[in-house]
Amino acid sequence: MLIFRWLAMMFALGIIVSFALYAGTGQERFKRFGLLALKWAVLAGLGFFAVLILERLA
């Protein structure tokens, strides 16, 4: 569980830094990377919680 928490914090930090760089520079590549990382973080979170729910049901 500790590894998953650490990975989630790294995803969040990367997303925050990416959007901060976009706000500071206005370059679209930082916004695009931030949205891509956000999408994968949400998908990973959904998968993680799906596994937890399936464990409870079994």
PDB file of N, CA and C in Angstrom:
ATOM      1  N   MET A   1       0.815  -1.191   0.000  1.00  0.00           N
ATOM      2  CA  MET A   1       0.000   0.000   0.000  1.00  0.00           C
ATOM      3  C   MET A   1       0.865   1.264   0.000  1.00  0.00           C
ATOM      4  N   LEU A   2       1.979   1.177   0.675  1.00  0.00           N
ATOM      5  CA  LEU A   2       2.858   2.342   0.744  1.00  0.00           C
ATOM      6  C   LEU A   2       3.365   2.729  -0.642  1.00  0.00           C
ATOM      7  N   ILE A   3       3.653   1.726  -1.455  1.00  0.00           N
ATOM      8  CA  ILE A   3       4.143   2.003  -2.811  1.00  0.00           C
ATOM      9  C   ILE A   3       3.061   2.708  -3.630  1.00  0.00           C
ATOM     10  N   PHE A   4       1.809   2.253  -3.503  1.00  0.00           N
ATOM     11  CA  PHE A   4       0.720   2.879  -4.245  1.00  0.00           C
ATOM     12  C   PHE A   4       0.486   4.319  -3.795  1.00  0.00           C
ATOM     13  N   ARG A   5       0.609   4.560  -2.516  1.00  0.00           N
ATOM     14  CA  ARG A   5       0.463   5.938  -2.017  1.00  0.00           C
ATOM     15  C   ARG A   5       1.579   6.825  -2.559  1.00  0.00           C
ATOM     16  N   TRP A   6       2.799   6.282  -2.561  1.00  0.00           N
ATOM     17  CA  TRP A   6       3.938   7.044  -3.062  1.00  0.00           C
ATOM     18  C   TRP A   6       3.757   7.350  -4.549  1.00  0.00           C
ATOM     19  N   LEU A   7       3.321   6.343  -5.329  1.00  0.00           N
ATOM     20  CA  LEU A   7       3.087   6.565  -6.752  1.00  0.00           C
ATOM     21  C   LEU A   7       1.987   7.591  -6.999  1.00  0.00           C
ATOM     22  N   ALA A   8       0.936   7.546  -6.203  1.00  0.00           N
ATOM     23  CA  ALA A   8      -0.149   8.514  -6.343  1.00  0.00           C
ATOM     24  C   ALA A   8       0.347   9.933  -6.047  1.00  0.00           C
ATOM     25  N   MET A   9       1.185  10.065  -5.043  1.00  0.00           N
ATOM     26  CA  MET A   9       1.737  11.392  -4.722  1.00  0.00           C
ATOM     27  C   MET A   9       2.653  11.890  -5.840  1.00  0.00           C
ATOM     28  N   MET A  10       3.415  10.999  -6.453  1.00  0.00           N
ATOM     29  CA  MET A  10       4.286  11.392  -7.558  1.00  0.00           C
ATOM     30  C   MET A  10       3.472  11.798  -8.784  1.00  0.00           C
ATOM     31  N   PHE A  11       2.393  11.060  -9.059  1.00  0.00           N
ATOM     32  CA  PHE A  11       1.496  11.444 -10.148  1.00  0.00           C
ATOM     33  C   PHE A  11       0.922  12.839  -9.882  1.00  0.00           C
ATOM     34  N   ALA A  12       0.438  13.048  -8.662  1.00  0.00           N
ATOM     35  CA  ALA A  12      -0.167  14.336  -8.315  1.00  0.00           C
ATOM     36  C   ALA A  12       0.858  15.461  -8.418  1.00  0.00           C
ATOM     37  N   LEU A  13       2.053  15.226  -7.934  1.00  0.00           N
ATOM     38  CA  LEU A  13       3.097  16.245  -8.003  1.00  0.00           C
ATOM     39  C   LEU A  13       3.452  16.565  -9.453  1.00  0.00           C
ATOM     40  N   GLY A  14       3.566  15.539 -10.285  1.00  0.00           N
ATOM     41  CA  GLY A  14       3.863  15.765 -11.695  1.00  0.00           C
ATOM     42  C   GLY A  14       2.774  16.553 -12.399  1.00  0.00           C
ATOM     43  N   ILE A  15       1.534  16.250 -12.075  1.00  0.00           N
ATOM     44  CA  ILE A  15       0.407  16.974 -12.681  1.00  0.00           C
ATOM     45  C   ILE A  15       0.400  18.431 -12.232  1.00  0.00           C
ATOM     46  N   ILE A  16       0.628  18.660 -10.953  1.00  0.00           N
ATOM     47  CA  ILE A  16       0.646  20.029 -10.427  1.00  0.00           C
ATOM     48  C   ILE A  16       1.781  20.834 -11.053  1.00  0.00           C
ATOM     49  N   VAL A  17       2.958  20.235 -11.136  1.00  0.00           N
ATOM     50  CA  VAL A  17       4.110  20.928 -11.733  1.00  0.00           C
ATOM     51  C   VAL A  17       3.844  21.226 -13.203  1.00  0.00           C
ATOM     52  N   SER A  18       3.239  20.269 -13.892  1.00  0.00           N
ATOM     53  CA  SER A  18       2.961  20.464 -15.308  1.00  0.00           C
ATOM     54  C   SER A  18       2.005  21.637 -15.530  1.00  0.00           C
ATOM     55  N   PHE A  19       0.925  21.686 -14.755  1.00  0.00           N
ATOM     56  CA  PHE A  19      -0.010  22.795 -14.921  1.00  0.00           C
ATOM     57  C   PHE A  19       0.578  24.122 -14.437  1.00  0.00           C
ATOM     58  N   ALA A  20       1.470  24.076 -13.445  1.00  0.00           N
ATOM     59  CA  ALA A  20       2.140  25.298 -13.010  1.00  0.00           C
ATOM     60  C   ALA A  20       3.065  25.818 -14.112  1.00  0.00           C
ATOM     61  N   LEU A  21       3.759  24.906 -14.775  1.00  0.00           N
ATOM     62  CA  LEU A  21       4.615  25.317 -15.897  1.00  0.00           C
ATOM     63  C   LEU A  21       3.777  25.866 -17.048  1.00  0.00           C
ATOM     64  N   TYR A  22       2.615  25.264 -17.288  1.00  0.00           N
ATOM     65  CA  TYR A  22       1.724  25.778 -18.334  1.00  0.00           C
ATOM     66  C   TYR A  22       1.248  27.186 -17.971  1.00  0.00           C
ATOM     67  N   ALA A  23       0.881  27.379 -16.712  1.00  0.00           N
ATOM     68  CA  ALA A  23       0.413  28.700 -16.286  1.00  0.00           C
ATOM     69  C   ALA A  23       1.531  29.732 -16.382  1.00  0.00           C
ATOM     70  N   GLY A  24       2.763  29.311 -16.097  1.00  0.00           N
ATOM     71  CA  GLY A  24       3.887  30.241 -16.129  1.00  0.00           C
ATOM     72  C   GLY A  24       4.388  30.557 -17.527  1.00  0.00           C
ATOM     73  N   THR A  25       4.395  29.553 -18.401  1.00  0.00           N
ATOM     74  CA  THR A  25       4.982  29.766 -19.723  1.00  0.00           C
ATOM     75  C   THR A  25       3.949  29.893 -20.835  1.00  0.00           C
ATOM     76  N   GLY A  26       2.782  29.306 -20.640  1.00  0.00           N
ATOM     77  CA  GLY A  26       1.757  29.334 -21.683  1.00  0.00           C
ATOM     78  C   GLY A  26       1.990  28.342 -22.809  1.00  0.00           C
ATOM     79  N   GLN A  27       2.958  27.443 -22.637  1.00  0.00           N
ATOM     80  CA  GLN A  27       3.248  26.457 -23.674  1.00  0.00           C
ATOM     81  C   GLN A  27       2.248  25.304 -23.584  1.00  0.00           C
ATOM     82  N   GLU A  28       1.665  24.988 -24.721  1.00  0.00           N
ATOM     83  CA  GLU A  28       0.624  23.964 -24.776  1.00  0.00           C
ATOM     84  C   GLU A  28       1.133  22.569 -24.415  1.00  0.00           C
ATOM     85  N   ARG A  29       2.422  22.312 -24.609  1.00  0.00           N
ATOM     86  CA  ARG A  29       2.931  20.967 -24.337  1.00  0.00           C
ATOM     87  C   ARG A  29       2.826  20.619 -22.866  1.00  0.00           C
ATOM     88  N   PHE A  30       2.945  21.592 -21.960  1.00  0.00           N
ATOM     89  CA  PHE A  30       2.807  21.320 -20.537  1.00  0.00           C
ATOM     90  C   PHE A  30       1.353  21.003 -20.185  1.00  0.00           C
ATOM     91  N   LYS A  31       0.426  21.704 -20.798  1.00  0.00           N
ATOM     92  CA  LYS A  31      -0.990  21.417 -20.572  1.00  0.00           C
ATOM     93  C   LYS A  31      -1.350  20.037 -21.106  1.00  0.00           C
ATOM     94  N   ARG A  32      -0.856  19.715 -22.284  1.00  0.00           N
ATOM     95  CA  ARG A  32      -1.136  18.418 -22.899  1.00  0.00           C
ATOM     96  C   ARG A  32      -0.573  17.282 -22.033  1.00  0.00           C
ATOM     97  N   PHE A  33       0.655  17.455 -21.536  1.00  0.00           N
ATOM     98  CA  PHE A  33       1.245  16.433 -20.670  1.00  0.00           C
ATOM     99  C   PHE A  33       0.484  16.312 -19.357  1.00  0.00           C
ATOM    100  N   GLY A  34       0.064  17.439 -18.797  1.00  0.00           N
ATOM    101  CA  GLY A  34      -0.700  17.408 -17.547  1.00  0.00           C
ATOM    102  C   GLY A  34      -2.024  16.684 -17.703  1.00  0.00           C
ATOM    103  N   LEU A  35      -2.717  16.934 -18.807  1.00  0.00           N
ATOM    104  CA  LEU A  35      -3.990  16.250 -19.050  1.00  0.00           C
ATOM    105  C   LEU A  35      -3.783  14.761 -19.301  1.00  0.00           C
ATOM    106  N   LEU A  36      -2.722  14.416 -20.012  1.00  0.00           N
ATOM    107  CA  LEU A  36      -2.418  13.011 -20.260  1.00  0.00           C
ATOM    108  C   LEU A  36      -2.093  12.287 -18.950  1.00  0.00           C
ATOM    109  N   ALA A  37      -1.284  12.904 -18.116  1.00  0.00           N
ATOM    110  CA  ALA A  37      -0.935  12.306 -16.827  1.00  0.00           C
ATOM    111  C   ALA A  37      -2.166  12.201 -15.932  1.00  0.00           C
ATOM    112  N   LEU A  38      -3.031  13.201 -15.970  1.00  0.00           N
ATOM    113  CA  LEU A  38      -4.260  13.165 -15.179  1.00  0.00           C
ATOM    114  C   LEU A  38      -5.156  12.013 -15.631  1.00  0.00           C
ATOM    115  N   LYS A  39      -5.270  11.829 -16.934  1.00  0.00           N
ATOM    116  CA  LYS A  39      -6.091  10.735 -17.467  1.00  0.00           C
ATOM    117  C   LYS A  39      -5.572   9.386 -16.974  1.00  0.00           C
ATOM    118  N   TRP A  40      -4.270   9.171 -17.065  1.00  0.00           N
ATOM    119  CA  TRP A  40      -3.703   7.893 -16.645  1.00  0.00           C
ATOM    120  C   TRP A  40      -3.771   7.720 -15.138  1.00  0.00           C
ATOM    121  N   ALA A  41      -3.665   8.791 -14.383  1.00  0.00           N
ATOM    122  CA  ALA A  41      -3.785   8.690 -12.929  1.00  0.00           C
ATOM    123  C   ALA A  41      -5.207   8.298 -12.530  1.00  0.00           C
ATOM    124  N   VAL A  42      -6.195   8.862 -13.200  1.00  0.00           N
ATOM    125  CA  VAL A  42      -7.586   8.507 -12.911  1.00  0.00           C
ATOM    126  C   VAL A  42      -7.843   7.053 -13.286  1.00  0.00           C
ATOM    127  N   LEU A  43      -7.352   6.625 -14.441  1.00  0.00           N
ATOM    128  CA  LEU A  43      -7.528   5.230 -14.850  1.00  0.00           C
ATOM    129  C   LEU A  43      -6.828   4.268 -13.885  1.00  0.00           C
ATOM    130  N   ALA A  44      -5.646   4.614 -13.448  1.00  0.00           N
ATOM    131  CA  ALA A  44      -4.934   3.773 -12.485  1.00  0.00           C
ATOM    132  C   ALA A  44      -5.686   3.714 -11.158  1.00  0.00           C
ATOM    133  N   GLY A  45      -6.222   4.836 -10.728  1.00  0.00           N
ATOM    134  CA  GLY A  45      -7.003   4.859  -9.487  1.00  0.00           C
ATOM    135  C   GLY A  45      -8.258   4.017  -9.589  1.00  0.00           C
ATOM    136  N   LEU A  46      -8.950   4.112 -10.724  1.00  0.00           N
ATOM    137  CA  LEU A  46     -10.142   3.292 -10.918  1.00  0.00           C
ATOM    138  C   LEU A  46      -9.795   1.807 -10.912  1.00  0.00           C
ATOM    139  N   GLY A  47      -8.709   1.444 -11.549  1.00  0.00           N
ATOM    140  CA  GLY A  47      -8.275   0.053 -11.554  1.00  0.00           C
ATOM    141  C   GLY A  47      -7.898  -0.428 -10.164  1.00  0.00           C
ATOM    142  N   PHE A  48      -7.214   0.416  -9.421  1.00  0.00           N
ATOM    143  CA  PHE A  48      -6.797   0.057  -8.067  1.00  0.00           C
ATOM    144  C   PHE A  48      -8.012  -0.190  -7.179  1.00  0.00           C
ATOM    145  N   PHE A  49      -8.984   0.721  -7.242  1.00  0.00           N
ATOM    146  CA  PHE A  49     -10.164   0.563  -6.401  1.00  0.00           C
ATOM    147  C   PHE A  49     -11.061  -0.575  -6.888  1.00  0.00           C
ATOM    148  N   ALA A  50     -11.050  -0.863  -8.174  1.00  0.00           N
ATOM    149  CA  ALA A  50     -11.805  -2.015  -8.680  1.00  0.00           C
ATOM    150  C   ALA A  50     -11.239  -3.314  -8.101  1.00  0.00           C
ATOM    151  N   VAL A  51      -9.923  -3.408  -8.034  1.00  0.00           N
ATOM    152  CA  VAL A  51      -9.297  -4.590  -7.452  1.00  0.00           C
ATOM    153  C   VAL A  51      -9.648  -4.700  -5.974  1.00  0.00           C
ATOM    154  N   LEU A  52      -9.637  -3.596  -5.252  1.00  0.00           N
ATOM    155  CA  LEU A  52     -10.006  -3.624  -3.837  1.00  0.00           C
ATOM    156  C   LEU A  52     -11.448  -4.075  -3.645  1.00  0.00           C
ATOM    157  N   ILE A  53     -12.350  -3.580  -4.474  1.00  0.00           N
ATOM    158  CA  ILE A  53     -13.761  -3.959  -4.358  1.00  0.00           C
ATOM    159  C   ILE A  53     -13.940  -5.436  -4.696  1.00  0.00           C
ATOM    160  N   LEU A  54     -13.272  -5.903  -5.750  1.00  0.00           N
ATOM    161  CA  LEU A  54     -13.383  -7.316  -6.107  1.00  0.00           C
ATOM    162  C   LEU A  54     -12.807  -8.230  -5.031  1.00  0.00           C
ATOM    163  N   GLU A  55     -11.762  -7.780  -4.347  1.00  0.00           N
ATOM    164  CA  GLU A  55     -11.214  -8.545  -3.224  1.00  0.00           C
ATOM    165  C   GLU A  55     -12.226  -8.677  -2.112  1.00  0.00           C
ATOM    166  N   ARG A  56     -12.955  -7.606  -1.851  1.00  0.00           N
ATOM    167  CA  ARG A  56     -13.968  -7.625  -0.788  1.00  0.00           C
ATOM    168  C   ARG A  56     -15.109  -8.565  -1.118  1.00  0.00           C
ATOM    169  N   LEU A  57     -15.488  -8.594  -2.388  1.00  0.00           N
ATOM    170  CA  LEU A  57     -16.604  -9.433  -2.810  1.00  0.00           C
ATOM    171  C   LEU A  57     -16.250 -10.914  -2.809  1.00  0.00           C
ATOM    172  N   ALA A  58     -14.995 -11.227  -3.060  1.00  0.00           N
ATOM    173  CA  ALA A  58     -14.586 -12.642  -3.169  1.00  0.00           C
ATOM    174  C   ALA A  58     -14.342 -13.283  -1.829  1.00  0.00           C
TER     175      ALA A  58
END
